PDB file of N, CA and C in Angstrom:
ATOM      1  N   MET A   1      14.801  41.509   0.807  1.00  0.00           N
ATOM      2  CA  MET A   1      14.488  40.680   1.960  1.00  0.00           C
ATOM      3  C   MET A   1      15.213  41.224   3.178  1.00  0.00           C
ATOM      4  N   ASP A   2      14.456  41.303   4.234  1.00  0.00           N
ATOM      5  CA  ASP A   2      15.087  41.740   5.467  1.00  0.00           C
ATOM      6  C   ASP A   2      15.443  40.523   6.329  1.00  0.00           C
ATOM      7  N   LYS A   3      15.982  40.792   7.480  1.00  0.00           N
ATOM      8  CA  LYS A   3      16.453  39.737   8.380  1.00  0.00           C
ATOM      9  C   LYS A   3      15.318  38.801   8.791  1.00  0.00           C
ATOM     10  N   GLU A   4      14.164  39.365   9.068  1.00  0.00           N
ATOM     11  CA  GLU A   4      13.008  38.561   9.487  1.00  0.00           C
ATOM     12  C   GLU A   4      12.557  37.599   8.380  1.00  0.00           C
ATOM     13  N   ASP A   5      12.535  38.070   7.157  1.00  0.00           N
ATOM     14  CA  ASP A   5      12.173  37.220   6.024  1.00  0.00           C
ATOM     15  C   ASP A   5      13.168  36.074   5.856  1.00  0.00           C
ATOM     16  N   LEU A   6      14.434  36.369   6.022  1.00  0.00           N
ATOM     17  CA  LEU A   6      15.461  35.344   5.891  1.00  0.00           C
ATOM     18  C   LEU A   6      15.338  34.289   6.993  1.00  0.00           C
ATOM     19  N   LEU A   7      15.051  34.733   8.214  1.00  0.00           N
ATOM     20  CA  LEU A   7      14.863  33.789   9.321  1.00  0.00           C
ATOM     21  C   LEU A   7      13.637  32.921   9.094  1.00  0.00           C
ATOM     22  N   ASP A   8      12.589  33.526   8.570  1.00  0.00           N
ATOM     23  CA  ASP A   8      11.370  32.774   8.264  1.00  0.00           C
ATOM     24  C   ASP A   8      11.657  31.727   7.187  1.00  0.00           C
ATOM     25  N   LEU A   9      12.391  32.118   6.189  1.00  0.00           N
ATOM     26  CA  LEU A   9      12.762  31.200   5.117  1.00  0.00           C
ATOM     27  C   LEU A   9      13.643  30.063   5.649  1.00  0.00           C
ATOM     28  N   LYS A  10      14.566  30.408   6.533  1.00  0.00           N
ATOM     29  CA  LYS A  10      15.433  29.404   7.146  1.00  0.00           C
ATOM     30  C   LYS A  10      14.601  28.391   7.925  1.00  0.00           C
ATOM     31  N   ASN A  11      13.627  28.860   8.674  1.00  0.00           N
ATOM     32  CA  ASN A  11      12.757  27.964   9.450  1.00  0.00           C
ATOM     33  C   ASN A  11      11.956  27.041   8.535  1.00  0.00           C
ATOM     34  N   LYS A  12      11.453  27.580   7.433  1.00  0.00           N
ATOM     35  CA  LYS A  12      10.709  26.762   6.481  1.00  0.00           C
ATOM     36  C   LYS A  12      11.606  25.682   5.875  1.00  0.00           C
ATOM     37  N   ILE A  13      12.830  26.038   5.572  1.00  0.00           N
ATOM     38  CA  ILE A  13      13.773  25.069   5.018  1.00  0.00           C
ATOM     39  C   ILE A  13      14.054  23.968   6.032  1.00  0.00           C
ATOM     40  N   GLU A  14      14.259  24.326   7.273  1.00  0.00           N
ATOM     41  CA  GLU A  14      14.524  23.339   8.322  1.00  0.00           C
ATOM     42  C   GLU A  14      13.330  22.402   8.518  1.00  0.00           C
ATOM     43  N   LYS A  15      12.130  22.959   8.503  1.00  0.00           N
ATOM     44  CA  LYS A  15      10.931  22.127   8.625  1.00  0.00           C
ATOM     45  C   LYS A  15      10.819  21.177   7.439  1.00  0.00           C
ATOM     46  N   SER A  16      11.143  21.674   6.258  1.00  0.00           N
ATOM     47  CA  SER A  16      11.084  20.841   5.059  1.00  0.00           C
ATOM     48  C   SER A  16      12.097  19.699   5.143  1.00  0.00           C
ATOM     49  N   LYS A  17      13.291  19.988   5.639  1.00  0.00           N
ATOM     50  CA  LYS A  17      14.310  18.949   5.804  1.00  0.00           C
ATOM     51  C   LYS A  17      13.824  17.873   6.774  1.00  0.00           C
ATOM     52  N   THR A  18      13.196  18.300   7.857  1.00  0.00           N
ATOM     53  CA  THR A  18      12.670  17.354   8.838  1.00  0.00           C
ATOM     54  C   THR A  18      11.577  16.497   8.221  1.00  0.00           C
ATOM     55  N   THR A  19      10.701  17.113   7.473  1.00  0.00           N
ATOM     56  CA  THR A  19       9.619  16.376   6.815  1.00  0.00           C
ATOM     57  C   THR A  19      10.171  15.358   5.830  1.00  0.00           C
ATOM     58  N   VAL A  20      11.164  15.747   5.057  1.00  0.00           N
ATOM     59  CA  VAL A  20      11.778  14.831   4.092  1.00  0.00           C
ATOM     60  C   VAL A  20      12.405  13.645   4.824  1.00  0.00           C
ATOM     61  N   ALA A  21      13.086  13.911   5.917  1.00  0.00           N
ATOM     62  CA  ALA A  21      13.713  12.833   6.684  1.00  0.00           C
ATOM     63  C   ALA A  21      12.659  11.877   7.242  1.00  0.00           C
ATOM     64  N   GLU A  22      11.556  12.413   7.752  1.00  0.00           N
ATOM     65  CA  GLU A  22      10.479  11.578   8.292  1.00  0.00           C
ATOM     66  C   GLU A  22       9.852  10.722   7.190  1.00  0.00           C
ATOM     67  N   LEU A  23       9.580  11.333   6.047  1.00  0.00           N
ATOM     68  CA  LEU A  23       8.969  10.598   4.937  1.00  0.00           C
ATOM     69  C   LEU A  23       9.903   9.524   4.389  1.00  0.00           C
ATOM     70  N   THR A  24      11.183   9.819   4.360  1.00  0.00           N
ATOM     71  CA  THR A  24      12.161   8.826   3.908  1.00  0.00           C
ATOM     72  C   THR A  24      12.177   7.639   4.862  1.00  0.00           C
ATOM     73  N   GLY A  25      12.115   7.913   6.149  1.00  0.00           N
ATOM     74  CA  GLY A  25      12.063   6.840   7.147  1.00  0.00           C
ATOM     75  C   GLY A  25      10.802   6.006   7.007  1.00  0.00           C
ATOM     76  N   GLN A  26       9.677   6.647   6.780  1.00  0.00           N
ATOM     77  CA  GLN A  26       8.423   5.925   6.590  1.00  0.00           C
ATOM     78  C   GLN A  26       8.485   5.050   5.339  1.00  0.00           C
ATOM     79  N   GLN A  27       9.067   5.584   4.278  1.00  0.00           N
ATOM     80  CA  GLN A  27       9.180   4.819   3.039  1.00  0.00           C
ATOM     81  C   GLN A  27      10.033   3.573   3.257  1.00  0.00           C
ATOM     82  N   LYS A  28      11.149   3.724   3.938  1.00  0.00           N
ATOM     83  CA  LYS A  28      12.018   2.579   4.209  1.00  0.00           C
ATOM     84  C   LYS A  28      11.285   1.535   5.045  1.00  0.00           C
ATOM     85  N   SER A  29      10.546   2.005   6.032  1.00  0.00           N
ATOM     86  CA  SER A  29       9.795   1.097   6.894  1.00  0.00           C
ATOM     87  C   SER A  29       8.747   0.333   6.098  1.00  0.00           C
ATOM     88  N   GLN A  30       8.031   1.013   5.236  1.00  0.00           N
ATOM     89  CA  GLN A  30       7.003   0.364   4.431  1.00  0.00           C
ATOM     90  C   GLN A  30       7.608  -0.605   3.416  1.00  0.00           C
ATOM     91  N   MET A  31       8.754  -0.255   2.860  1.00  0.00           N
ATOM     92  CA  MET A  31       9.419  -1.170   1.927  1.00  0.00           C
ATOM     93  C   MET A  31       9.891  -2.424   2.663  1.00  0.00           C
ATOM     94  N   ASN A  32      10.387  -2.260   3.891  1.00  0.00           N
ATOM     95  CA  ASN A  32      10.782  -3.422   4.687  1.00  0.00           C
ATOM     96  C   ASN A  32       9.585  -4.315   4.984  1.00  0.00           C
ATOM     97  N   GLN A  33       8.457  -3.693   5.290  1.00  0.00           N
ATOM     98  CA  GLN A  33       7.245  -4.457   5.573  1.00  0.00           C
ATOM     99  C   GLN A  33       6.781  -5.211   4.320  1.00  0.00           C
ATOM    100  N   LEU A  34       6.839  -4.566   3.165  1.00  0.00           N
ATOM    101  CA  LEU A  34       6.480  -5.238   1.911  1.00  0.00           C
ATOM    102  C   LEU A  34       7.380  -6.446   1.667  1.00  0.00           C
ATOM    103  N   LYS A  35       8.669  -6.265   1.959  1.00  0.00           N
ATOM    104  CA  LYS A  35       9.621  -7.354   1.735  1.00  0.00           C
ATOM    105  C   LYS A  35       9.346  -8.517   2.690  1.00  0.00           C
ATOM    106  N   GLU A  36       9.125  -8.201   3.961  1.00  0.00           N
ATOM    107  CA  GLU A  36       8.897  -9.244   4.955  1.00  0.00           C
ATOM    108  C   GLU A  36       7.562  -9.957   4.750  1.00  0.00           C
ATOM    109  N   THR A  37       6.537  -9.217   4.438  1.00  0.00           N
ATOM    110  CA  THR A  37       5.191  -9.782   4.342  1.00  0.00           C
ATOM    111  C   THR A  37       4.942 -10.471   3.004  1.00  0.00           C
ATOM    112  N   PHE A  38       5.376  -9.844   1.925  1.00  0.00           N
ATOM    113  CA  PHE A  38       5.032 -10.340   0.590  1.00  0.00           C
ATOM    114  C   PHE A  38       6.235 -10.718  -0.264  1.00  0.00           C
ATOM    115  N   GLY A  39       7.442 -10.506   0.231  1.00  0.00           N
ATOM    116  CA  GLY A  39       8.637 -10.827  -0.540  1.00  0.00           C
ATOM    117  C   GLY A  39       8.904  -9.869  -1.685  1.00  0.00           C
ATOM    118  N   CYS A  40       8.357  -8.670  -1.591  1.00  0.00           N
ATOM    119  CA  CYS A  40       8.519  -7.678  -2.659  1.00  0.00           C
ATOM    120  C   CYS A  40       9.668  -6.734  -2.316  1.00  0.00           C
ATOM    121  N   THR A  41      10.547  -6.521  -3.298  1.00  0.00           N
ATOM    122  CA  THR A  41      11.670  -5.623  -3.062  1.00  0.00           C
ATOM    123  C   THR A  41      11.521  -4.285  -3.772  1.00  0.00           C
ATOM    124  N   THR A  42      10.524  -4.191  -4.664  1.00  0.00           N
ATOM    125  CA  THR A  42      10.274  -2.928  -5.369  1.00  0.00           C
ATOM    126  C   THR A  42       8.767  -2.667  -5.411  1.00  0.00           C
ATOM    127  N   ILE A  43       8.425  -1.444  -5.735  1.00  0.00           N
ATOM    128  CA  ILE A  43       7.010  -1.085  -5.893  1.00  0.00           C
ATOM    129  C   ILE A  43       6.403  -1.895  -7.033  1.00  0.00           C
ATOM    130  N   GLU A  44       7.179  -2.099  -8.085  1.00  0.00           N
ATOM    131  CA  GLU A  44       6.685  -2.876  -9.229  1.00  0.00           C
ATOM    132  C   GLU A  44       6.359  -4.306  -8.806  1.00  0.00           C
ATOM    133  N   ASP A  45       7.238  -4.904  -7.978  1.00  0.00           N
ATOM    134  CA  ASP A  45       6.962  -6.248  -7.448  1.00  0.00           C
ATOM    135  C   ASP A  45       5.660  -6.264  -6.658  1.00  0.00           C
ATOM    136  N   ALA A  46       5.468  -5.229  -5.845  1.00  0.00           N
ATOM    137  CA  ALA A  46       4.264  -5.144  -5.023  1.00  0.00           C
ATOM    138  C   ALA A  46       3.015  -4.999  -5.885  1.00  0.00           C
ATOM    139  N   GLU A  47       3.112  -4.210  -6.955  1.00  0.00           N
ATOM    140  CA  GLU A  47       1.961  -4.036  -7.851  1.00  0.00           C
ATOM    141  C   GLU A  47       1.613  -5.355  -8.542  1.00  0.00           C
ATOM    142  N   GLU A  48       2.639  -6.104  -8.960  1.00  0.00           N
ATOM    143  CA  GLU A  48       2.393  -7.409  -9.583  1.00  0.00           C
ATOM    144  C   GLU A  48       1.749  -8.364  -8.583  1.00  0.00           C
ATOM    145  N   LYS A  49       2.261  -8.358  -7.362  1.00  0.00           N
ATOM    146  CA  LYS A  49       1.708  -9.216  -6.308  1.00  0.00           C
ATOM    147  C   LYS A  49       0.255  -8.844  -6.044  1.00  0.00           C
ATOM    148  N   LEU A  50      -0.044  -7.557  -6.022  1.00  0.00           N
ATOM    149  CA  LEU A  50      -1.408  -7.088  -5.803  1.00  0.00           C
ATOM    150  C   LEU A  50      -2.337  -7.602  -6.888  1.00  0.00           C
ATOM    151  N   GLU A  51      -1.904  -7.536  -8.139  1.00  0.00           N
ATOM    152  CA  GLU A  51      -2.731  -8.034  -9.238  1.00  0.00           C
ATOM    153  C   GLU A  51      -2.973  -9.534  -9.102  1.00  0.00           C
ATOM    154  N   THR A  52      -1.944 -10.275  -8.714  1.00  0.00           N
ATOM    155  CA  THR A  52      -2.090 -11.713  -8.511  1.00  0.00           C
ATOM    156  C   THR A  52      -3.097 -12.001  -7.402  1.00  0.00           C
ATOM    157  N   ILE A  53      -3.004 -11.252  -6.322  1.00  0.00           N
ATOM    158  CA  ILE A  53      -3.926 -11.437  -5.198  1.00  0.00           C
ATOM    159  C   ILE A  53      -5.352 -11.084  -5.611  1.00  0.00           C
ATOM    160  N   LYS A  54      -5.512 -10.008  -6.369  1.00  0.00           N
ATOM    161  CA  LYS A  54      -6.848  -9.620  -6.842  1.00  0.00           C
ATOM    162  C   LYS A  54      -7.465 -10.714  -7.705  1.00  0.00           C
ATOM    163  N   LYS A  55      -6.661 -11.307  -8.583  1.00  0.00           N
ATOM    164  CA  LYS A  55      -7.161 -12.382  -9.439  1.00  0.00           C
ATOM    165  C   LYS A  55      -7.570 -13.590  -8.597  1.00  0.00           C
ATOM    166  N   SER A  56      -6.767 -13.903  -7.589  1.00  0.00           N
ATOM    167  CA  SER A  56      -7.092 -15.029  -6.706  1.00  0.00           C
ATOM    168  C   SER A  56      -8.389 -14.778  -5.956  1.00  0.00           C
ATOM    169  N   ILE A  57      -8.572 -13.568  -5.484  1.00  0.00           N
ATOM    170  CA  ILE A  57      -9.790 -13.211  -4.760  1.00  0.00           C
ATOM    171  C   ILE A  57     -10.996 -13.320  -5.681  1.00  0.00           C
ATOM    172  N   SER A  58     -10.851 -12.839  -6.896  1.00  0.00           N
ATOM    173  CA  SER A  58     -11.941 -12.908  -7.859  1.00  0.00           C
ATOM    174  C   SER A  58     -12.317 -14.356  -8.149  1.00  0.00           C
ATOM    175  N   LYS A  59     -11.317 -15.198  -8.317  1.00  0.00           N
ATOM    176  CA  LYS A  59     -11.557 -16.613  -8.591  1.00  0.00           C
ATOM    177  C   LYS A  59     -12.259 -17.272  -7.395  1.00  0.00           C
ATOM    178  N   LEU A  60     -11.808 -16.961  -6.196  1.00  0.00           N
ATOM    179  CA  LEU A  60     -12.439 -17.513  -4.992  1.00  0.00           C
ATOM    180  C   LEU A  60     -13.877 -17.026  -4.845  1.00  0.00           C
ATOM    181  N   ASP A  61     -14.118 -15.756  -5.156  1.00  0.00           N
ATOM    182  CA  ASP A  61     -15.480 -15.216  -5.107  1.00  0.00           C
ATOM    183  C   ASP A  61     -16.400 -15.989  -6.046  1.00  0.00           C
ATOM    184  N   THR A  62     -15.897 -16.259  -7.246  1.00  0.00           N
ATOM    185  CA  THR A  62     -16.684 -17.016  -8.227  1.00  0.00           C
ATOM    186  C   THR A  62     -16.982 -18.414  -7.704  1.00  0.00           C
ATOM    187  N   GLN A  63     -15.984 -19.070  -7.140  1.00  0.00           N
ATOM    188  CA  GLN A  63     -16.172 -20.410  -6.610  1.00  0.00           C
ATOM    189  C   GLN A  63     -17.181 -20.415  -5.454  1.00  0.00           C
ATOM    190  N   ILE A  64     -17.123 -19.412  -4.617  1.00  0.00           N
ATOM    191  CA  ILE A  64     -18.065 -19.311  -3.501  1.00  0.00           C
ATOM    192  C   ILE A  64     -19.481 -19.114  -4.022  1.00  0.00           C
ATOM    193  N   GLU A  65     -19.645 -18.223  -4.993  1.00  0.00           N
ATOM    194  CA  GLU A  65     -20.963 -17.979  -5.572  1.00  0.00           C
ATOM    195  C   GLU A  65     -21.532 -19.246  -6.198  1.00  0.00           C
ATOM    196  N   GLU A  66     -20.687 -19.968  -6.940  1.00  0.00           N
ATOM    197  CA  GLU A  66     -21.145 -21.204  -7.563  1.00  0.00           C
ATOM    198  C   GLU A  66     -21.525 -22.236  -6.500  1.00  0.00           C
ATOM    199  N   GLY A  67     -20.730 -22.319  -5.460  1.00  0.00           N
ATOM    200  CA  GLY A  67     -21.034 -23.244  -4.373  1.00  0.00           C
ATOM    201  C   GLY A  67     -22.334 -22.899  -3.673  1.00  0.00           C
ATOM    202  N   LEU A  68     -22.575 -21.618  -3.464  1.00  0.00           N
ATOM    203  CA  LEU A  68     -23.823 -21.183  -2.829  1.00  0.00           C
ATOM    204  C   LEU A  68     -25.028 -21.500  -3.711  1.00  0.00           C
ATOM    205  N   GLU A  69     -24.869 -21.309  -5.019  1.00  0.00           N
ATOM    206  CA  GLU A  69     -25.967 -21.612  -5.934  1.00  0.00           C
ATOM    207  C   GLU A  69     -26.293 -23.110  -5.903  1.00  0.00           C
ATOM    208  N   LYS A  70     -25.262 -23.960  -5.923  1.00  0.00           N
ATOM    209  CA  LYS A  70     -25.483 -25.406  -5.864  1.00  0.00           C
ATOM    210  C   LYS A  70     -26.148 -25.796  -4.549  1.00  0.00           C
ATOM    211  N   LEU A  71     -25.706 -25.172  -3.468  1.00  0.00           N
ATOM    212  CA  LEU A  71     -26.278 -25.471  -2.164  1.00  0.00           C
ATOM    213  C   LEU A  71     -27.754 -25.064  -2.118  1.00  0.00           C
ATOM    214  N   GLU A  72     -28.100 -23.917  -2.682  1.00  0.00           N
ATOM    215  CA  GLU A  72     -29.475 -23.467  -2.715  1.00  0.00           C
ATOM    216  C   GLU A  72     -30.333 -24.427  -3.537  1.00  0.00           C
ATOM    217  N   GLU A  73     -29.778 -24.893  -4.651  1.00  0.00           N
ATOM    218  CA  GLU A  73     -30.501 -25.841  -5.492  1.00  0.00           C
ATOM    219  C   GLU A  73     -30.770 -27.134  -4.726  1.00  0.00           C
ATOM    220  N   GLN A  74     -29.767 -27.607  -4.015  1.00  0.00           N
ATOM    221  CA  GLN A  74     -29.907 -28.845  -3.246  1.00  0.00           C
ATOM    222  C   GLN A  74     -30.941 -28.686  -2.124  1.00  0.00           C
ATOM    223  N   LEU A  75     -30.979 -27.521  -1.531  1.00  0.00           N
ATOM    224  CA  LEU A  75     -31.897 -27.291  -0.438  1.00  0.00           C
ATOM    225  C   LEU A  75     -33.341 -27.130  -0.913  1.00  0.00           C
ATOM    226  N   THR A  76     -33.519 -26.665  -2.147  1.00  0.00           N
ATOM    227  CA  THR A  76     -34.878 -26.461  -2.660  1.00  0.00           C
ATOM    228  C   THR A  76     -35.438 -27.704  -3.336  1.00  0.00           C
ATOM    229  N   ASP A  77     -34.584 -28.688  -3.579  1.00  0.00           N
ATOM    230  CA  ASP A  77     -35.072 -29.940  -4.213  1.00  0.00           C
ATOM    231  C   ASP A  77     -35.772 -30.829  -3.231  1.00  0.00           C
TER     232      ASP A  77
END
């Protein structure tokens, strides 16, 4: 390796350090948002919360569909 290769490698390392710092900051920000919005302190908590929300949405969808069917029946009678 010559001097130019070493300088190029040094620049790549510095860019990588900057990228890692930026990504770490983004991760902290997103974890804070999860905590504030949903009360989740870990990714596992967030995944559990997501499953709970999905189940609630599915249940509400079913209730809406049933309500629409009853309404259609009432309107056609």
